[in-house]
Amino acid sequence: MSHAMLEVTKSIAIPLREFKFTFSRSSGPGGQNVNKVNTKVTLHWPIMHSAGLPEAVRQRFLQRYPRRINREGEVVVISERFRDQGRNVADCLNKLRELLLTVAAPPKRRKPTNPTRASRERRLKGKHHKSEKKQSRRRNWRND
């Protein structure tokens, strides 16, 4: 029997038992349904204690999304997009998957390159144009 997992990539899979869901009343339109049914879903995930997350990905997540993490060190994702609980749970998991995908791959290192000939010429042309503009503002000393 396989355990339910949130698969982000082939190498990153988080067991669903690590997530804690809380339900509350949603805001917005929905008539009397909004006042009676707890459809808003809040997902709490203790990212620091997650076994399914490589350390490098965890560090990139913490660096990129510090405002998503509460004082207890949990990632908080909220969904109240839909009018039923099940779809909001799926939406929370999808939002978390998208956040993890953005930090899953390490950033590419920049290869330093030299400026092109055309860009150097544009830069010098711009400097020359600015210089001429300032020279045209000067008073002519010999004719005064």
N, C-alpha and C. Protein backbone atom coordinates (compact mmCIF):
# COMPACT_ATOMS: atom_id res chain seq x y z
N MET A 1 0.84 -1.19 0.00
CA MET A 1 0.00 0.00 0.00
C MET A 1 0.88 1.25 0.00
N SER A 2 0.67 2.14 -0.97
CA SER A 2 1.47 3.36 -1.04
C SER A 2 0.78 4.46 -0.24
N HIS A 3 1.59 5.34 0.33
CA HIS A 3 1.06 6.44 1.11
C HIS A 3 0.73 7.60 0.18
N ALA A 4 -0.27 8.39 0.54
CA ALA A 4 -0.65 9.55 -0.26
C ALA A 4 0.45 10.60 -0.17
N MET A 5 0.84 11.09 -1.33
CA MET A 5 1.95 12.04 -1.40
C MET A 5 1.56 13.23 -2.27
N LEU A 6 2.16 14.37 -1.97
CA LEU A 6 2.10 15.53 -2.85
C LEU A 6 3.37 15.48 -3.69
N GLU A 7 3.24 15.10 -4.95
CA GLU A 7 4.41 14.99 -5.82
C GLU A 7 4.66 16.32 -6.49
N VAL A 8 5.84 16.87 -6.24
CA VAL A 8 6.23 18.15 -6.82
C VAL A 8 7.07 17.88 -8.07
N THR A 9 8.15 17.11 -7.91
CA THR A 9 8.97 16.66 -9.02
C THR A 9 9.24 15.18 -8.79
N LYS A 10 10.04 14.58 -9.67
CA LYS A 10 10.35 13.16 -9.49
C LYS A 10 11.14 12.93 -8.20
N SER A 11 11.93 13.91 -7.80
CA SER A 11 12.75 13.74 -6.60
C SER A 11 12.13 14.35 -5.34
N ILE A 12 11.10 15.15 -5.49
CA ILE A 12 10.47 15.81 -4.33
C ILE A 12 9.03 15.33 -4.20
N ALA A 13 8.77 14.60 -3.11
CA ALA A 13 7.41 14.15 -2.79
C ALA A 13 7.21 14.29 -1.29
N ILE A 14 6.13 14.94 -0.90
CA ILE A 14 5.86 15.20 0.52
C ILE A 14 4.64 14.39 0.94
N PRO A 15 4.77 13.60 2.02
CA PRO A 15 3.61 12.83 2.50
C PRO A 15 2.49 13.75 2.97
N LEU A 16 1.27 13.43 2.60
CA LEU A 16 0.13 14.27 2.98
C LEU A 16 -0.09 14.30 4.49
N ARG A 17 0.44 13.32 5.22
CA ARG A 17 0.27 13.31 6.68
C ARG A 17 1.04 14.46 7.35
N GLU A 18 1.98 15.09 6.63
CA GLU A 18 2.71 16.23 7.18
C GLU A 18 1.87 17.50 7.20
N PHE A 19 0.81 17.54 6.42
CA PHE A 19 -0.01 18.74 6.32
C PHE A 19 -1.13 18.71 7.35
N LYS A 20 -1.41 19.90 7.89
CA LYS A 20 -2.54 20.05 8.82
C LYS A 20 -3.50 21.04 8.17
N PHE A 21 -4.73 20.63 8.02
CA PHE A 21 -5.74 21.48 7.41
C PHE A 21 -6.70 21.98 8.48
N THR A 22 -7.03 23.27 8.40
CA THR A 22 -8.08 23.83 9.25
C THR A 22 -9.13 24.43 8.33
N PHE A 23 -10.37 24.40 8.79
CA PHE A 23 -11.49 24.85 7.97
C PHE A 23 -12.24 25.94 8.70
N SER A 24 -12.66 26.96 7.96
CA SER A 24 -13.43 28.05 8.55
C SER A 24 -14.40 28.59 7.52
N ARG A 25 -15.23 29.53 7.96
CA ARG A 25 -16.21 30.11 7.05
C ARG A 25 -15.52 31.04 6.07
N SER A 26 -15.93 30.95 4.86
CA SER A 26 -15.34 31.73 3.77
C SER A 26 -15.96 33.11 3.72
N SER A 27 -15.24 34.07 3.15
CA SER A 27 -15.81 35.40 2.95
C SER A 27 -16.34 35.48 1.53
N GLY A 28 -16.96 36.58 1.19
CA GLY A 28 -17.40 36.80 -0.18
C GLY A 28 -18.79 36.27 -0.45
N PRO A 29 -19.18 36.25 -1.75
CA PRO A 29 -20.54 35.87 -2.11
C PRO A 29 -20.80 34.39 -1.89
N GLY A 30 -22.04 34.03 -1.79
CA GLY A 30 -22.42 32.64 -1.57
C GLY A 30 -23.72 32.53 -0.81
N GLY A 31 -24.31 33.65 -0.49
CA GLY A 31 -25.61 33.66 0.19
C GLY A 31 -25.53 33.03 1.57
N GLN A 32 -26.58 32.36 1.94
CA GLN A 32 -26.64 31.73 3.26
C GLN A 32 -25.63 30.61 3.41
N ASN A 33 -25.18 30.03 2.29
CA ASN A 33 -24.19 28.95 2.33
C ASN A 33 -22.92 29.40 3.04
N VAL A 34 -22.50 30.66 2.78
CA VAL A 34 -21.28 31.20 3.38
C VAL A 34 -21.40 31.24 4.90
N ASN A 35 -22.58 31.53 5.39
CA ASN A 35 -22.78 31.66 6.84
C ASN A 35 -22.84 30.32 7.56
N LYS A 36 -23.05 29.24 6.82
CA LYS A 36 -23.27 27.94 7.46
C LYS A 36 -22.12 26.95 7.28
N VAL A 37 -21.42 27.00 6.15
CA VAL A 37 -20.50 25.93 5.77
C VAL A 37 -19.05 26.39 5.85
N ASN A 38 -18.19 25.56 6.45
CA ASN A 38 -16.77 25.87 6.57
C ASN A 38 -16.03 25.43 5.32
N THR A 39 -15.98 26.32 4.32
CA THR A 39 -15.36 25.95 3.05
C THR A 39 -13.96 26.52 2.88
N LYS A 40 -13.60 27.54 3.64
CA LYS A 40 -12.26 28.11 3.55
C LYS A 40 -11.27 27.12 4.14
N VAL A 41 -10.16 26.88 3.44
CA VAL A 41 -9.16 25.91 3.87
C VAL A 41 -7.85 26.62 4.13
N THR A 42 -7.23 26.32 5.26
CA THR A 42 -5.90 26.82 5.59
C THR A 42 -4.99 25.62 5.79
N LEU A 43 -3.92 25.58 5.01
CA LEU A 43 -2.96 24.49 5.09
C LEU A 43 -1.76 24.95 5.91
N HIS A 44 -1.37 24.17 6.90
CA HIS A 44 -0.16 24.43 7.70
C HIS A 44 0.81 23.29 7.44
N TRP A 45 2.07 23.65 7.13
CA TRP A 45 3.07 22.62 6.84
C TRP A 45 4.37 22.99 7.55
N PRO A 46 4.82 22.18 8.52
CA PRO A 46 6.08 22.46 9.21
C PRO A 46 7.27 22.15 8.30
N ILE A 47 7.68 23.13 7.53
CA ILE A 47 8.71 22.94 6.51
C ILE A 47 10.06 22.52 7.10
N MET A 48 10.35 22.97 8.32
CA MET A 48 11.65 22.65 8.93
C MET A 48 11.77 21.17 9.29
N HIS A 49 10.65 20.49 9.49
CA HIS A 49 10.67 19.09 9.91
C HIS A 49 10.26 18.13 8.80
N SER A 50 10.17 18.63 7.58
CA SER A 50 9.72 17.79 6.48
C SER A 50 10.85 16.89 5.99
N ALA A 51 10.57 15.59 5.93
CA ALA A 51 11.58 14.63 5.48
C ALA A 51 11.63 14.53 3.97
N GLY A 52 10.55 14.87 3.28
CA GLY A 52 10.50 14.73 1.84
C GLY A 52 11.09 15.88 1.06
N LEU A 53 11.70 16.84 1.76
CA LEU A 53 12.20 18.03 1.10
C LEU A 53 13.72 18.11 1.23
N PRO A 54 14.45 18.14 0.12
CA PRO A 54 15.91 18.28 0.20
C PRO A 54 16.30 19.61 0.87
N GLU A 55 17.40 19.60 1.58
CA GLU A 55 17.83 20.78 2.35
C GLU A 55 18.04 22.00 1.46
N ALA A 56 18.61 21.81 0.28
CA ALA A 56 18.87 22.95 -0.61
C ALA A 56 17.55 23.60 -1.04
N VAL A 57 16.55 22.80 -1.33
CA VAL A 57 15.24 23.33 -1.73
C VAL A 57 14.59 24.05 -0.55
N ARG A 58 14.73 23.48 0.64
CA ARG A 58 14.18 24.10 1.85
C ARG A 58 14.78 25.50 2.05
N GLN A 59 16.11 25.61 1.90
CA GLN A 59 16.78 26.90 2.10
C GLN A 59 16.33 27.92 1.05
N ARG A 60 16.20 27.48 -0.20
CA ARG A 60 15.74 28.40 -1.25
C ARG A 60 14.31 28.85 -0.97
N PHE A 61 13.46 27.93 -0.48
CA PHE A 61 12.06 28.28 -0.16
C PHE A 61 12.04 29.32 0.97
N LEU A 62 12.80 29.08 2.02
CA LEU A 62 12.82 30.01 3.16
C LEU A 62 13.32 31.38 2.74
N GLN A 63 14.29 31.40 1.83
CA GLN A 63 14.85 32.67 1.38
C GLN A 63 13.88 33.41 0.46
N ARG A 64 13.18 32.66 -0.40
CA ARG A 64 12.31 33.29 -1.38
C ARG A 64 10.95 33.69 -0.81
N TYR A 65 10.40 32.89 0.12
CA TYR A 65 9.06 33.14 0.65
C TYR A 65 9.05 33.31 2.17
N PRO A 66 9.78 34.27 2.72
CA PRO A 66 9.80 34.40 4.19
C PRO A 66 8.46 34.83 4.78
N ARG A 67 7.64 35.52 4.01
CA ARG A 67 6.36 36.01 4.53
C ARG A 67 5.30 34.92 4.57
N ARG A 68 5.54 33.81 3.93
CA ARG A 68 4.59 32.69 3.94
C ARG A 68 4.77 31.82 5.18
N ILE A 69 5.79 32.10 5.99
CA ILE A 69 6.11 31.24 7.13
C ILE A 69 5.74 31.97 8.41
N ASN A 70 4.98 31.28 9.28
CA ASN A 70 4.54 31.90 10.53
C ASN A 70 5.59 31.73 11.63
N ARG A 71 5.27 32.20 12.82
CA ARG A 71 6.23 32.14 13.95
C ARG A 71 6.59 30.72 14.34
N GLU A 72 5.68 29.79 14.12
CA GLU A 72 5.93 28.39 14.48
C GLU A 72 6.78 27.67 13.44
N GLY A 73 7.18 28.38 12.38
CA GLY A 73 7.99 27.77 11.32
C GLY A 73 7.17 26.94 10.35
N GLU A 74 5.89 27.28 10.22
CA GLU A 74 5.01 26.55 9.31
C GLU A 74 4.71 27.40 8.08
N VAL A 75 4.67 26.75 6.93
CA VAL A 75 4.22 27.41 5.71
C VAL A 75 2.70 27.44 5.78
N VAL A 76 2.12 28.60 5.48
CA VAL A 76 0.67 28.76 5.54
C VAL A 76 0.15 29.08 4.14
N VAL A 77 -0.78 28.26 3.65
CA VAL A 77 -1.41 28.49 2.35
C VAL A 77 -2.92 28.47 2.57
N ILE A 78 -3.61 29.47 2.02
CA ILE A 78 -5.06 29.61 2.22
C ILE A 78 -5.77 29.55 0.88
N SER A 79 -6.93 28.91 0.86
CA SER A 79 -7.77 28.91 -0.34
C SER A 79 -9.23 29.03 0.06
N GLU A 80 -9.90 30.00 -0.56
CA GLU A 80 -11.35 30.12 -0.40
C GLU A 80 -11.96 30.44 -1.76
N ARG A 81 -11.30 29.93 -2.80
CA ARG A 81 -11.69 30.19 -4.18
C ARG A 81 -13.00 29.51 -4.55
N PHE A 82 -13.19 28.31 -4.05
CA PHE A 82 -14.35 27.51 -4.44
C PHE A 82 -15.37 27.45 -3.30
N ARG A 83 -16.57 27.02 -3.64
CA ARG A 83 -17.64 26.96 -2.64
C ARG A 83 -17.74 25.60 -1.99
N ASP A 84 -16.76 24.70 -2.22
CA ASP A 84 -16.77 23.45 -1.48
C ASP A 84 -15.36 23.13 -0.97
N GLN A 85 -15.33 22.46 0.14
CA GLN A 85 -14.11 22.20 0.90
C GLN A 85 -13.09 21.38 0.12
N GLY A 86 -13.54 20.34 -0.54
CA GLY A 86 -12.64 19.44 -1.26
C GLY A 86 -11.84 20.13 -2.33
N ARG A 87 -12.50 21.00 -3.10
CA ARG A 87 -11.80 21.72 -4.16
C ARG A 87 -10.82 22.74 -3.58
N ASN A 88 -11.16 23.33 -2.43
CA ASN A 88 -10.24 24.26 -1.78
C ASN A 88 -9.02 23.55 -1.22
N VAL A 89 -9.19 22.32 -0.71
CA VAL A 89 -8.04 21.52 -0.24
C VAL A 89 -7.12 21.25 -1.43
N ALA A 90 -7.70 20.82 -2.55
CA ALA A 90 -6.90 20.56 -3.75
C ALA A 90 -6.20 21.83 -4.24
N ASP A 91 -6.89 22.98 -4.13
CA ASP A 91 -6.30 24.25 -4.54
C ASP A 91 -5.12 24.62 -3.65
N CYS A 92 -5.24 24.40 -2.33
CA CYS A 92 -4.13 24.65 -1.41
C CYS A 92 -2.91 23.81 -1.78
N LEU A 93 -3.14 22.53 -2.02
CA LEU A 93 -2.04 21.64 -2.38
C LEU A 93 -1.41 22.06 -3.70
N ASN A 94 -2.23 22.49 -4.64
CA ASN A 94 -1.72 22.95 -5.94
C ASN A 94 -0.90 24.22 -5.78
N LYS A 95 -1.37 25.16 -4.94
CA LYS A 95 -0.62 26.39 -4.69
C LYS A 95 0.74 26.07 -4.08
N LEU A 96 0.77 25.15 -3.10
CA LEU A 96 2.02 24.76 -2.47
C LEU A 96 2.95 24.10 -3.49
N ARG A 97 2.39 23.25 -4.35
CA ARG A 97 3.20 22.60 -5.39
C ARG A 97 3.84 23.65 -6.30
N GLU A 98 3.08 24.68 -6.68
CA GLU A 98 3.60 25.74 -7.54
C GLU A 98 4.73 26.51 -6.85
N LEU A 99 4.55 26.80 -5.56
CA LEU A 99 5.60 27.50 -4.81
C LEU A 99 6.88 26.66 -4.77
N LEU A 100 6.72 25.37 -4.52
CA LEU A 100 7.89 24.48 -4.45
C LEU A 100 8.55 24.32 -5.81
N LEU A 101 7.77 24.31 -6.88
CA LEU A 101 8.35 24.19 -8.23
C LEU A 101 9.23 25.38 -8.57
N THR A 102 8.86 26.57 -8.07
CA THR A 102 9.67 27.76 -8.38
C THR A 102 11.05 27.70 -7.74
N VAL A 103 11.19 26.96 -6.63
CA VAL A 103 12.49 26.87 -5.96
C VAL A 103 13.12 25.49 -6.10
N ALA A 104 12.48 24.58 -6.83
CA ALA A 104 12.98 23.21 -6.93
C ALA A 104 14.32 23.15 -7.66
N ALA A 105 14.44 23.87 -8.76
CA ALA A 105 15.69 23.85 -9.53
C ALA A 105 16.62 24.93 -9.02
N PRO A 106 17.90 24.63 -8.84
CA PRO A 106 18.84 25.67 -8.40
C PRO A 106 18.97 26.75 -9.46
N PRO A 107 19.17 27.99 -9.04
CA PRO A 107 19.29 29.08 -10.02
C PRO A 107 20.54 28.87 -10.87
N LYS A 108 20.43 29.25 -12.14
CA LYS A 108 21.57 29.12 -13.04
C LYS A 108 22.60 30.18 -12.71
N ARG A 109 23.87 29.77 -12.75
CA ARG A 109 24.94 30.73 -12.49
C ARG A 109 25.13 31.60 -13.72
N ARG A 110 25.37 32.87 -13.49
CA ARG A 110 25.56 33.80 -14.59
C ARG A 110 26.97 33.64 -15.14
N LYS A 111 27.05 33.50 -16.45
CA LYS A 111 28.36 33.44 -17.09
C LYS A 111 28.73 34.87 -17.48
N PRO A 112 29.84 35.38 -16.93
CA PRO A 112 30.20 36.75 -17.29
C PRO A 112 30.59 36.84 -18.76
N THR A 113 30.05 37.83 -19.45
CA THR A 113 30.36 38.03 -20.87
C THR A 113 30.85 39.44 -21.08
N ASN A 114 31.51 39.65 -22.19
CA ASN A 114 31.98 40.99 -22.54
C ASN A 114 30.88 41.71 -23.31
N PRO A 115 30.82 43.05 -23.19
CA PRO A 115 29.82 43.79 -23.96
C PRO A 115 30.09 43.66 -25.46
N THR A 116 29.03 43.67 -26.23
CA THR A 116 29.20 43.56 -27.68
C THR A 116 29.74 44.87 -28.25
N ARG A 117 30.24 44.79 -29.46
CA ARG A 117 30.78 45.98 -30.10
C ARG A 117 29.69 47.04 -30.26
N ALA A 118 28.51 46.60 -30.69
CA ALA A 118 27.40 47.53 -30.90
C ALA A 118 26.98 48.21 -29.60
N SER A 119 26.96 47.45 -28.48
CA SER A 119 26.56 48.07 -27.21
C SER A 119 27.61 49.07 -26.73
N ARG A 120 28.88 48.78 -26.97
CA ARG A 120 29.93 49.75 -26.61
C ARG A 120 29.77 51.02 -27.44
N GLU A 121 29.48 50.85 -28.75
CA GLU A 121 29.30 52.02 -29.62
C GLU A 121 28.08 52.83 -29.21
N ARG A 122 26.98 52.16 -28.84
CA ARG A 122 25.79 52.88 -28.37
C ARG A 122 26.09 53.68 -27.10
N ARG A 123 26.85 53.07 -26.19
CA ARG A 123 27.20 53.75 -24.94
C ARG A 123 28.04 55.00 -25.23
N LEU A 124 29.04 54.86 -26.10
CA LEU A 124 29.90 56.00 -26.42
C LEU A 124 29.13 57.08 -27.19
N LYS A 125 28.22 56.66 -28.07
CA LYS A 125 27.41 57.62 -28.82
C LYS A 125 26.53 58.42 -27.86
N GLY A 126 25.96 57.73 -26.85
CA GLY A 126 25.14 58.41 -25.85
C GLY A 126 25.94 59.40 -25.03
N LYS A 127 27.16 59.01 -24.67
CA LYS A 127 28.03 59.92 -23.89
C LYS A 127 28.40 61.15 -24.74
N HIS A 128 28.68 60.90 -26.02
CA HIS A 128 29.05 62.01 -26.91
C HIS A 128 27.87 62.96 -27.09
N HIS A 129 26.65 62.41 -27.22
CA HIS A 129 25.45 63.22 -27.38
C HIS A 129 25.22 64.09 -26.14
N LYS A 130 25.39 63.49 -24.97
CA LYS A 130 25.22 64.24 -23.72
C LYS A 130 26.27 65.35 -23.60
N SER A 131 27.48 65.04 -24.01
CA SER A 131 28.57 66.01 -23.97
C SER A 131 28.26 67.20 -24.88
N GLU A 132 27.79 66.93 -26.10
CA GLU A 132 27.45 68.01 -27.04
C GLU A 132 26.32 68.87 -26.49
N LYS A 133 25.36 68.26 -25.86
CA LYS A 133 24.23 68.99 -25.28
C LYS A 133 24.72 69.97 -24.23
N LYS A 134 25.65 69.51 -23.38
CA LYS A 134 26.16 70.38 -22.32
C LYS A 134 27.07 71.48 -22.90
N GLN A 135 27.83 71.13 -23.94
CA GLN A 135 28.70 72.14 -24.56
C GLN A 135 27.88 73.23 -25.23
N SER A 136 26.72 72.87 -25.78
CA SER A 136 25.89 73.87 -26.45
C SER A 136 25.29 74.85 -25.44
N ARG A 137 25.25 74.49 -24.16
CA ARG A 137 24.70 75.38 -23.13
C ARG A 137 25.72 76.41 -22.64
N ARG A 138 26.99 76.13 -22.90
CA ARG A 138 28.03 77.06 -22.43
C ARG A 138 27.96 78.37 -23.18
N ARG A 139 28.40 79.44 -22.52
CA ARG A 139 28.50 80.74 -23.21
C ARG A 139 29.77 80.75 -24.01
N ASN A 140 29.73 81.43 -25.09
CA ASN A 140 30.91 81.54 -25.93
C ASN A 140 31.80 82.62 -25.34
N TRP A 141 32.96 82.28 -24.82
CA TRP A 141 33.81 83.22 -24.09
C TRP A 141 34.47 84.26 -25.01
N ARG A 142 34.76 83.89 -26.23
CA ARG A 142 35.50 84.79 -27.11
C ARG A 142 34.63 85.93 -27.65
N ASN A 143 33.33 85.66 -27.84
CA ASN A 143 32.46 86.66 -28.44
C ASN A 143 31.87 87.62 -27.42
N ASP A 144 32.05 87.40 -26.15
CA ASP A 144 31.45 88.29 -25.13
C ASP A 144 32.29 89.48 -24.85
